[in-house]
Amino acid sequence: METGMAKVNRGGPEAPPRCEQPALWCMAAVTTVRASASHTLRAWERRFGFPKPMRLPSGHRRYTDEQIGRLHLIGQAIALGHRAGDVVPCGRPAEAASPRVAPAPSAMPAWEVQLLEKVRTFDREEIVSDLSQAYASLGLRTFLRERFVPLTSAVGDAWEAGELAIKHEHFLSEILEDTLRTLRTPLEHGRQGAAGDVRTLPEEGHRLGVQVAALVTALAGRRVRILGAEIPADEIWGAAEHLDPLAVGIS
């Protein structure tokens, strides 16, 4: 069972300080102490490279005291009105330079501007319709390259700039996952042979990357087996030995 913090002192009460190992905090303890949601920490890690945790052999994340201290400063800066995109990438929040802003609408393709507005207004029906027309006219590979990737990047930029919230990002992610499943299903019909297994590591609950990997695998003419999110590392290896997949994909 995981504990909130693991700290080891091998020398006993009178041991020199140099024998003490750094404290390591699990995700649950960090989110409790800092009042930051786990999905927020993972989003910052993906977009800004911080906090970059240590990984246990099981795949679980562990954070250092220094990272906890920096998260404390970031939390103070955000509470004062600074945007995450301004302060999280900096060495210290006070070192923020010019604010990050999303690309101006005039610099974005019209379809991207329109879709972002539909994300802001949670217009699911129109988003689904636009995506359906795009992959029908472009083909799947071009759709992934010229619609899916730019759209997810644009939403990330708008989130960094404070123009969209996490709820908007998650709303679009659900639509995109449904879309990718719909596109993949007919490709898998009647497929034989070894399958490619895809899954995420522990504490990585985002499944969008898994769905992309599964669709690309199916487009290559291979069977796909999705094992889901947050799979412990030892179970990943155990499943690979038991199922003998063509390949193992981890998002």
C-alpha atoms as a PDB file:
ATOM      1  CA  MET A   1       0.000   0.000   0.000  1.00  0.00           C
ATOM      2  CA  GLU A   2       1.356   3.416  -0.920  1.00  0.00           C
ATOM      3  CA  THR A   3       2.095   5.962   1.766  1.00  0.00           C
ATOM      4  CA  GLY A   4       2.033   9.702   1.359  1.00  0.00           C
ATOM      5  CA  MET A   5       5.778  10.158   1.885  1.00  0.00           C
ATOM      6  CA  ALA A   6       8.727   7.806   2.087  1.00  0.00           C
ATOM      7  CA  LYS A   7      11.840   9.011   3.917  1.00  0.00           C
ATOM      8  CA  VAL A   8      14.812   6.820   4.735  1.00  0.00           C
ATOM      9  CA  ASN A   9      17.580   7.513   7.271  1.00  0.00           C
ATOM     10  CA  ARG A  10      19.965   4.609   7.407  1.00  0.00           C
ATOM     11  CA  GLY A  11      22.220   6.026  10.101  1.00  0.00           C
ATOM     12  CA  GLY A  12      19.800   6.236  13.075  1.00  0.00           C
ATOM     13  CA  PRO A  13      19.182   9.335  15.185  1.00  0.00           C
ATOM     14  CA  GLU A  14      22.816  10.494  15.291  1.00  0.00           C
ATOM     15  CA  ALA A  15      23.730   9.673  11.684  1.00  0.00           C
ATOM     16  CA  PRO A  16      25.278  12.470   9.594  1.00  0.00           C
ATOM     17  CA  PRO A  17      22.760  14.427   7.483  1.00  0.00           C
ATOM     18  CA  ARG A  18      24.432  13.242   4.266  1.00  0.00           C
ATOM     19  CA  CYS A  19      23.102   9.728   4.895  1.00  0.00           C
ATOM     20  CA  GLU A  20      19.502  10.888   4.609  1.00  0.00           C
ATOM     21  CA  GLN A  21      17.821  10.303   1.249  1.00  0.00           C
ATOM     22  CA  PRO A  22      15.479  12.893  -0.253  1.00  0.00           C
ATOM     23  CA  ALA A  23      11.805  12.672   0.691  1.00  0.00           C
ATOM     24  CA  LEU A  24       9.608  11.296  -2.064  1.00  0.00           C
ATOM     25  CA  TRP A  25       5.929  12.101  -2.246  1.00  0.00           C
ATOM     26  CA  CYS A  26       3.279  10.093  -4.073  1.00  0.00           C
ATOM     27  CA  MET A  27       0.689  11.737  -6.332  1.00  0.00           C
ATOM     28  CA  ALA A  28      -2.097  11.455  -3.747  1.00  0.00           C
ATOM     29  CA  ALA A  29       0.010  13.176  -1.076  1.00  0.00           C
ATOM     30  CA  VAL A  30       1.033  15.988  -3.450  1.00  0.00           C
ATOM     31  CA  THR A  31      -2.563  16.694  -4.473  1.00  0.00           C
ATOM     32  CA  THR A  32      -3.620  16.708  -0.807  1.00  0.00           C
ATOM     33  CA  VAL A  33      -0.819  19.023   0.360  1.00  0.00           C
ATOM     34  CA  ARG A  34      -0.961  21.379  -2.616  1.00  0.00           C
ATOM     35  CA  ALA A  35      -4.719  21.124  -3.333  1.00  0.00           C
ATOM     36  CA  SER A  36      -3.852  20.555  -6.998  1.00  0.00           C
ATOM     37  CA  ALA A  37      -5.840  17.982  -8.939  1.00  0.00           C
ATOM     38  CA  SER A  38      -3.841  15.034 -10.271  1.00  0.00           C
ATOM     39  CA  HIS A  39      -4.969  15.750 -13.842  1.00  0.00           C
ATOM     40  CA  THR A  40      -3.606  19.301 -13.479  1.00  0.00           C
ATOM     41  CA  LEU A  41      -0.166  18.017 -12.447  1.00  0.00           C
ATOM     42  CA  ARG A  42      -0.128  15.566 -15.367  1.00  0.00           C
ATOM     43  CA  ALA A  43      -1.197  18.312 -17.780  1.00  0.00           C
ATOM     44  CA  TRP A  44       1.613  20.563 -16.540  1.00  0.00           C
ATOM     45  CA  GLU A  45       4.096  17.704 -16.874  1.00  0.00           C
ATOM     46  CA  ARG A  46       3.080  17.092 -20.494  1.00  0.00           C
ATOM     47  CA  ARG A  47       2.933  20.720 -21.584  1.00  0.00           C
ATOM     48  CA  PHE A  48       5.629  22.415 -19.523  1.00  0.00           C
ATOM     49  CA  GLY A  49       7.956  19.597 -18.450  1.00  0.00           C
ATOM     50  CA  PHE A  50       7.238  20.317 -14.775  1.00  0.00           C
ATOM     51  CA  PRO A  51       6.779  18.713 -12.350  1.00  0.00           C
ATOM     52  CA  LYS A  52       8.842  15.873 -13.844  1.00  0.00           C
ATOM     53  CA  PRO A  53       8.543  13.068 -11.287  1.00  0.00           C
ATOM     54  CA  MET A  54      10.771  10.124 -10.575  1.00  0.00           C
ATOM     55  CA  ARG A  55       9.255   6.810 -11.623  1.00  0.00           C
ATOM     56  CA  LEU A  56       9.241   3.705  -9.441  1.00  0.00           C
ATOM     57  CA  PRO A  57       9.753   0.302 -11.119  1.00  0.00           C
ATOM     58  CA  SER A  58       5.957  -0.050 -10.855  1.00  0.00           C
ATOM     59  CA  GLY A  59       5.552   3.104 -12.963  1.00  0.00           C
ATOM     60  CA  HIS A  60       4.112   5.226 -10.136  1.00  0.00           C
ATOM     61  CA  ARG A  61       5.171   8.869  -9.898  1.00  0.00           C
ATOM     62  CA  ARG A  62       7.182  10.225  -6.971  1.00  0.00           C
ATOM     63  CA  TYR A  63       7.938  13.923  -6.283  1.00  0.00           C
ATOM     64  CA  THR A  64      10.798  15.529  -4.358  1.00  0.00           C
ATOM     65  CA  ASP A  65      10.710  18.182  -1.624  1.00  0.00           C
ATOM     66  CA  GLU A  66      12.192  20.690  -4.085  1.00  0.00           C
ATOM     67  CA  GLN A  67       9.312  20.094  -6.496  1.00  0.00           C
ATOM     68  CA  ILE A  68       6.804  20.467  -3.659  1.00  0.00           C
ATOM     69  CA  GLY A  69       8.396  23.809  -2.757  1.00  0.00           C
ATOM     70  CA  ARG A  70       8.210  25.020  -6.334  1.00  0.00           C
ATOM     71  CA  LEU A  71       4.579  23.908  -6.600  1.00  0.00           C
ATOM     72  CA  HIS A  72       3.892  25.959  -3.473  1.00  0.00           C
ATOM     73  CA  LEU A  73       5.318  29.083  -5.165  1.00  0.00           C
ATOM     74  CA  ILE A  74       3.396  28.358  -8.355  1.00  0.00           C
ATOM     75  CA  GLY A  75       0.203  27.998  -6.330  1.00  0.00           C
ATOM     76  CA  GLN A  76       0.831  31.389  -4.719  1.00  0.00           C
ATOM     77  CA  ALA A  77       1.418  33.008  -8.106  1.00  0.00           C
ATOM     78  CA  ILE A  78      -1.763  31.508  -9.581  1.00  0.00           C
ATOM     79  CA  ALA A  79      -3.722  32.652  -6.522  1.00  0.00           C
ATOM     80  CA  LEU A  80      -2.492  36.189  -7.243  1.00  0.00           C
ATOM     81  CA  GLY A  81      -3.927  35.993 -10.759  1.00  0.00           C
ATOM     82  CA  HIS A  82      -1.001  34.731 -12.856  1.00  0.00           C
ATOM     83  CA  ARG A  83      -1.700  32.132 -15.540  1.00  0.00           C
ATOM     84  CA  ALA A  84      -0.286  28.637 -15.318  1.00  0.00           C
ATOM     85  CA  GLY A  85       1.257  29.062 -18.765  1.00  0.00           C
ATOM     86  CA  ASP A  86       3.241  32.044 -17.478  1.00  0.00           C
ATOM     87  CA  VAL A  87       4.590  30.632 -14.223  1.00  0.00           C
ATOM     88  CA  VAL A  88       4.837  26.831 -14.447  1.00  0.00           C
ATOM     89  CA  PRO A  89       7.603  26.757 -17.133  1.00  0.00           C
ATOM     90  CA  CYS A  90       9.796  29.210 -15.197  1.00  0.00           C
ATOM     91  CA  GLY A  91      12.517  28.286 -12.743  1.00  0.00           C
ATOM     92  CA  ARG A  92      10.545  30.262 -10.150  1.00  0.00           C
ATOM     93  CA  PRO A  93       7.164  31.924 -10.664  1.00  0.00           C
ATOM     94  CA  ALA A  94       8.634  35.410 -10.092  1.00  0.00           C
ATOM     95  CA  GLU A  95      10.873  34.898 -13.110  1.00  0.00           C
ATOM     96  CA  ALA A  96       7.961  34.864 -15.543  1.00  0.00           C
ATOM     97  CA  ALA A  97       8.803  36.909 -18.601  1.00  0.00           C
ATOM     98  CA  SER A  98       6.282  37.987 -21.186  1.00  0.00           C
ATOM     99  CA  PRO A  99       2.848  36.358 -20.874  1.00  0.00           C
ATOM    100  CA  ARG A 100       2.002  33.432 -23.089  1.00  0.00           C
ATOM    101  CA  VAL A 101      -0.903  33.987 -25.408  1.00  0.00           C
ATOM    102  CA  ALA A 102      -2.749  31.718 -27.770  1.00  0.00           C
ATOM    103  CA  PRO A 103      -2.249  32.407 -31.482  1.00  0.00           C
ATOM    104  CA  ALA A 104      -4.397  35.270 -32.711  1.00  0.00           C
ATOM    105  CA  PRO A 105      -7.534  34.100 -34.552  1.00  0.00           C
ATOM    106  CA  SER A 106      -6.286  35.829 -37.722  1.00  0.00           C
ATOM    107  CA  ALA A 107      -3.233  33.532 -37.674  1.00  0.00           C
ATOM    108  CA  MET A 108      -5.354  30.389 -37.349  1.00  0.00           C
ATOM    109  CA  PRO A 109      -7.224  28.545 -40.112  1.00  0.00           C
ATOM    110  CA  ALA A 110     -10.933  29.321 -40.211  1.00  0.00           C
ATOM    111  CA  TRP A 111     -11.898  25.739 -39.373  1.00  0.00           C
ATOM    112  CA  GLU A 112      -9.724  25.883 -36.237  1.00  0.00           C
ATOM    113  CA  VAL A 113     -11.216  29.185 -35.041  1.00  0.00           C
ATOM    114  CA  GLN A 114     -14.716  27.805 -35.557  1.00  0.00           C
ATOM    115  CA  LEU A 115     -14.010  24.550 -33.741  1.00  0.00           C
ATOM    116  CA  LEU A 116     -12.425  26.333 -30.770  1.00  0.00           C
ATOM    117  CA  GLU A 117     -15.517  28.491 -30.440  1.00  0.00           C
ATOM    118  CA  LYS A 118     -17.681  25.356 -30.468  1.00  0.00           C
ATOM    119  CA  VAL A 119     -15.491  23.872 -27.745  1.00  0.00           C
ATOM    120  CA  ARG A 120     -15.986  27.035 -25.662  1.00  0.00           C
ATOM    121  CA  THR A 121     -19.774  26.717 -26.011  1.00  0.00           C
ATOM    122  CA  PHE A 122     -19.790  22.915 -25.510  1.00  0.00           C
ATOM    123  CA  ASP A 123     -21.521  22.408 -28.871  1.00  0.00           C
ATOM    124  CA  ARG A 124     -20.998  18.665 -29.177  1.00  0.00           C
ATOM    125  CA  GLU A 125     -23.289  18.102 -32.166  1.00  0.00           C
ATOM    126  CA  GLU A 126     -21.536  20.713 -34.311  1.00  0.00           C
ATOM    127  CA  ILE A 127     -18.066  19.480 -33.325  1.00  0.00           C
ATOM    128  CA  VAL A 128     -18.961  15.899 -34.226  1.00  0.00           C
ATOM    129  CA  SER A 129     -20.436  17.056 -37.528  1.00  0.00           C
ATOM    130  CA  ASP A 130     -17.304  19.072 -38.404  1.00  0.00           C
ATOM    131  CA  LEU A 131     -14.992  16.179 -37.550  1.00  0.00           C
ATOM    132  CA  SER A 132     -17.114  13.727 -39.572  1.00  0.00           C
ATOM    133  CA  GLN A 133     -16.977  15.949 -42.639  1.00  0.00           C
ATOM    134  CA  ALA A 134     -13.226  16.392 -42.217  1.00  0.00           C
ATOM    135  CA  TYR A 135     -12.284  12.708 -42.106  1.00  0.00           C
ATOM    136  CA  ALA A 136     -14.767  11.874 -44.880  1.00  0.00           C
ATOM    137  CA  SER A 137     -13.184  14.430 -47.212  1.00  0.00           C
ATOM    138  CA  LEU A 138      -9.527  14.142 -46.155  1.00  0.00           C
ATOM    139  CA  GLY A 139      -9.088  10.445 -45.423  1.00  0.00           C
ATOM    140  CA  LEU A 140      -7.979   9.084 -42.060  1.00  0.00           C
ATOM    141  CA  ARG A 141      -4.230   9.682 -42.238  1.00  0.00           C
ATOM    142  CA  THR A 142      -4.606  13.242 -43.485  1.00  0.00           C
ATOM    143  CA  PHE A 143      -7.343  13.852 -40.917  1.00  0.00           C
ATOM    144  CA  LEU A 144      -5.001  12.850 -38.095  1.00  0.00           C
ATOM    145  CA  ARG A 145      -2.189  15.012 -39.457  1.00  0.00           C
ATOM    146  CA  GLU A 146      -4.117  18.098 -40.573  1.00  0.00           C
ATOM    147  CA  ARG A 147      -7.080  18.211 -38.193  1.00  0.00           C
ATOM    148  CA  PHE A 148      -6.525  16.101 -35.085  1.00  0.00           C
ATOM    149  CA  VAL A 149      -2.967  17.230 -34.258  1.00  0.00           C
ATOM    150  CA  PRO A 150      -3.520  20.973 -34.930  1.00  0.00           C
ATOM    151  CA  LEU A 151      -6.804  20.957 -33.004  1.00  0.00           C
ATOM    152  CA  THR A 152      -5.367  19.338 -29.875  1.00  0.00           C
ATOM    153  CA  SER A 153      -2.383  21.710 -30.033  1.00  0.00           C
ATOM    154  CA  ALA A 154      -4.666  24.730 -30.395  1.00  0.00           C
ATOM    155  CA  VAL A 155      -6.728  23.662 -27.394  1.00  0.00           C
ATOM    156  CA  GLY A 156      -3.521  23.220 -25.382  1.00  0.00           C
ATOM    157  CA  ASP A 157      -2.337  26.706 -26.387  1.00  0.00           C
ATOM    158  CA  ALA A 158      -5.694  28.214 -25.438  1.00  0.00           C
ATOM    159  CA  TRP A 159      -5.554  26.434 -22.083  1.00  0.00           C
ATOM    160  CA  GLU A 160      -2.044  27.749 -21.405  1.00  0.00           C
ATOM    161  CA  ALA A 161      -3.218  31.259 -22.239  1.00  0.00           C
ATOM    162  CA  GLY A 162      -6.151  30.943 -19.850  1.00  0.00           C
ATOM    163  CA  GLU A 163      -8.704  31.153 -22.666  1.00  0.00           C
ATOM    164  CA  LEU A 164     -10.023  27.617 -22.100  1.00  0.00           C
ATOM    165  CA  ALA A 165     -10.436  25.645 -18.882  1.00  0.00           C
ATOM    166  CA  ILE A 166      -9.661  22.012 -18.134  1.00  0.00           C
ATOM    167  CA  LYS A 167     -13.375  21.255 -18.463  1.00  0.00           C
ATOM    168  CA  HIS A 168     -13.184  22.363 -22.119  1.00  0.00           C
ATOM    169  CA  GLU A 169     -10.142  20.197 -22.758  1.00  0.00           C
ATOM    170  CA  HIS A 170     -11.784  17.140 -21.191  1.00  0.00           C
ATOM    171  CA  PHE A 171     -15.008  17.809 -23.089  1.00  0.00           C
ATOM    172  CA  LEU A 172     -13.160  17.767 -26.411  1.00  0.00           C
ATOM    173  CA  SER A 173     -11.071  14.736 -25.400  1.00  0.00           C
ATOM    174  CA  GLU A 174     -14.236  12.694 -24.843  1.00  0.00           C
ATOM    175  CA  ILE A 175     -15.513  13.643 -28.299  1.00  0.00           C
ATOM    176  CA  LEU A 176     -12.171  12.824 -29.929  1.00  0.00           C
ATOM    177  CA  GLU A 177     -11.957   9.450 -28.190  1.00  0.00           C
ATOM    178  CA  ASP A 178     -15.450   8.555 -29.420  1.00  0.00           C
ATOM    179  CA  THR A 179     -14.489   9.676 -32.928  1.00  0.00           C
ATOM    180  CA  LEU A 180     -11.297   7.601 -32.982  1.00  0.00           C
ATOM    181  CA  ARG A 181     -13.167   4.499 -31.775  1.00  0.00           C
ATOM    182  CA  THR A 182     -15.790   4.999 -34.489  1.00  0.00           C
ATOM    183  CA  LEU A 183     -13.088   5.267 -37.149  1.00  0.00           C
ATOM    184  CA  ARG A 184     -11.187   2.221 -35.892  1.00  0.00           C
ATOM    185  CA  THR A 185     -14.052  -0.263 -35.490  1.00  0.00           C
ATOM    186  CA  PRO A 186     -14.662  -1.065 -39.192  1.00  0.00           C
ATOM    187  CA  LEU A 187     -10.918  -1.428 -39.777  1.00  0.00           C
ATOM    188  CA  GLU A 188     -10.692  -4.227 -37.222  1.00  0.00           C
ATOM    189  CA  HIS A 189     -13.425  -6.419 -38.688  1.00  0.00           C
ATOM    190  CA  GLY A 190     -12.121  -9.870 -39.589  1.00  0.00           C
ATOM    191  CA  ARG A 191      -8.479  -9.133 -38.734  1.00  0.00           C
ATOM    192  CA  GLN A 192      -6.321 -12.164 -37.906  1.00  0.00           C
ATOM    193  CA  GLY A 193      -2.819 -12.626 -36.531  1.00  0.00           C
ATOM    194  CA  ALA A 194      -0.916 -11.175 -33.606  1.00  0.00           C
ATOM    195  CA  ALA A 195      -2.335  -8.018 -32.048  1.00  0.00           C
ATOM    196  CA  GLY A 196      -0.641  -4.839 -30.956  1.00  0.00           C
ATOM    197  CA  ASP A 197      -1.319  -4.083 -27.283  1.00  0.00           C
ATOM    198  CA  VAL A 198      -1.727  -0.456 -26.151  1.00  0.00           C
ATOM    199  CA  ARG A 199      -2.158   0.950 -22.652  1.00  0.00           C
ATOM    200  CA  THR A 200      -1.003   3.740 -20.296  1.00  0.00           C
ATOM    201  CA  LEU A 201       1.241   3.603 -17.245  1.00  0.00           C
ATOM    202  CA  PRO A 202       0.022   4.077 -13.650  1.00  0.00           C
ATOM    203  CA  GLU A 203      -1.297   7.543 -12.793  1.00  0.00           C
ATOM    204  CA  GLU A 204      -1.793   8.362 -16.482  1.00  0.00           C
ATOM    205  CA  GLY A 205      -5.545   8.406 -16.879  1.00  0.00           C
ATOM    206  CA  HIS A 206      -5.621  10.166 -20.257  1.00  0.00           C
ATOM    207  CA  ARG A 207      -6.687   7.674 -22.938  1.00  0.00           C
ATOM    208  CA  LEU A 208      -6.524   9.849 -26.044  1.00  0.00           C
ATOM    209  CA  GLY A 209      -2.990   8.755 -26.918  1.00  0.00           C
ATOM    210  CA  VAL A 210      -4.063   5.122 -26.581  1.00  0.00           C
ATOM    211  CA  GLN A 211      -6.905   5.676 -29.041  1.00  0.00           C
ATOM    212  CA  VAL A 212      -4.580   7.354 -31.551  1.00  0.00           C
ATOM    213  CA  ALA A 213      -2.068   4.497 -31.292  1.00  0.00           C
ATOM    214  CA  ALA A 214      -4.861   1.963 -31.741  1.00  0.00           C
ATOM    215  CA  LEU A 215      -6.186   3.692 -34.865  1.00  0.00           C
ATOM    216  CA  VAL A 216      -2.727   3.960 -36.429  1.00  0.00           C
ATOM    217  CA  THR A 217      -2.133   0.268 -35.699  1.00  0.00           C
ATOM    218  CA  ALA A 218      -5.440  -0.634 -37.328  1.00  0.00           C
ATOM    219  CA  LEU A 219      -4.612   1.535 -40.347  1.00  0.00           C
ATOM    220  CA  ALA A 220      -1.426  -0.513 -40.721  1.00  0.00           C
ATOM    221  CA  GLY A 221      -3.580  -3.617 -41.115  1.00  0.00           C
ATOM    222  CA  ARG A 222      -2.921  -5.036 -37.645  1.00  0.00           C
ATOM    223  CA  ARG A 223      -5.217  -6.234 -34.891  1.00  0.00           C
ATOM    224  CA  VAL A 224      -5.451  -4.019 -31.830  1.00  0.00           C
ATOM    225  CA  ARG A 225      -5.933  -4.935 -28.182  1.00  0.00           C
ATOM    226  CA  ILE A 226      -6.524  -2.008 -25.819  1.00  0.00           C
ATOM    227  CA  LEU A 227      -5.765  -2.899 -22.215  1.00  0.00           C
ATOM    228  CA  GLY A 228      -6.824   0.490 -20.851  1.00  0.00           C
ATOM    229  CA  ALA A 229      -5.289   3.143 -18.650  1.00  0.00           C
ATOM    230  CA  GLU A 230      -3.109   3.081 -15.536  1.00  0.00           C
ATOM    231  CA  ILE A 231      -1.733  -0.445 -15.915  1.00  0.00           C
ATOM    232  CA  PRO A 232       1.029  -1.328 -13.382  1.00  0.00           C
ATOM    233  CA  ALA A 233       4.407  -1.967 -15.008  1.00  0.00           C
ATOM    234  CA  ASP A 234       4.644  -5.549 -13.735  1.00  0.00           C
ATOM    235  CA  GLU A 235       1.253  -6.331 -15.268  1.00  0.00           C
ATOM    236  CA  ILE A 236       2.346  -4.821 -18.587  1.00  0.00           C
ATOM    237  CA  TRP A 237       5.252  -7.269 -18.750  1.00  0.00           C
ATOM    238  CA  GLY A 238       3.088 -10.117 -17.488  1.00  0.00           C
ATOM    239  CA  ALA A 239       0.451  -9.467 -20.152  1.00  0.00           C
ATOM    240  CA  ALA A 240       3.147  -9.293 -22.837  1.00  0.00           C
ATOM    241  CA  GLU A 241       4.529 -12.689 -21.813  1.00  0.00           C
ATOM    242  CA  HIS A 242       1.055 -14.246 -21.687  1.00  0.00           C
ATOM    243  CA  LEU A 243      -0.487 -12.668 -24.804  1.00  0.00           C
ATOM    244  CA  ASP A 244       2.650 -12.538 -26.989  1.00  0.00           C
ATOM    245  CA  PRO A 245       1.622  -9.340 -28.826  1.00  0.00           C
ATOM    246  CA  LEU A 246       3.101  -8.111 -32.071  1.00  0.00           C
ATOM    247  CA  ALA A 247       4.130  -4.917 -30.234  1.00  0.00           C
ATOM    248  CA  VAL A 248       3.423  -3.093 -26.983  1.00  0.00           C
ATOM    249  CA  GLY A 249       2.412   0.550 -27.154  1.00  0.00           C
ATOM    250  CA  ILE A 250       2.493   2.775 -24.058  1.00  0.00           C
ATOM    251  CA  SER A 251       0.986   6.271 -23.979  1.00  0.00           C
END
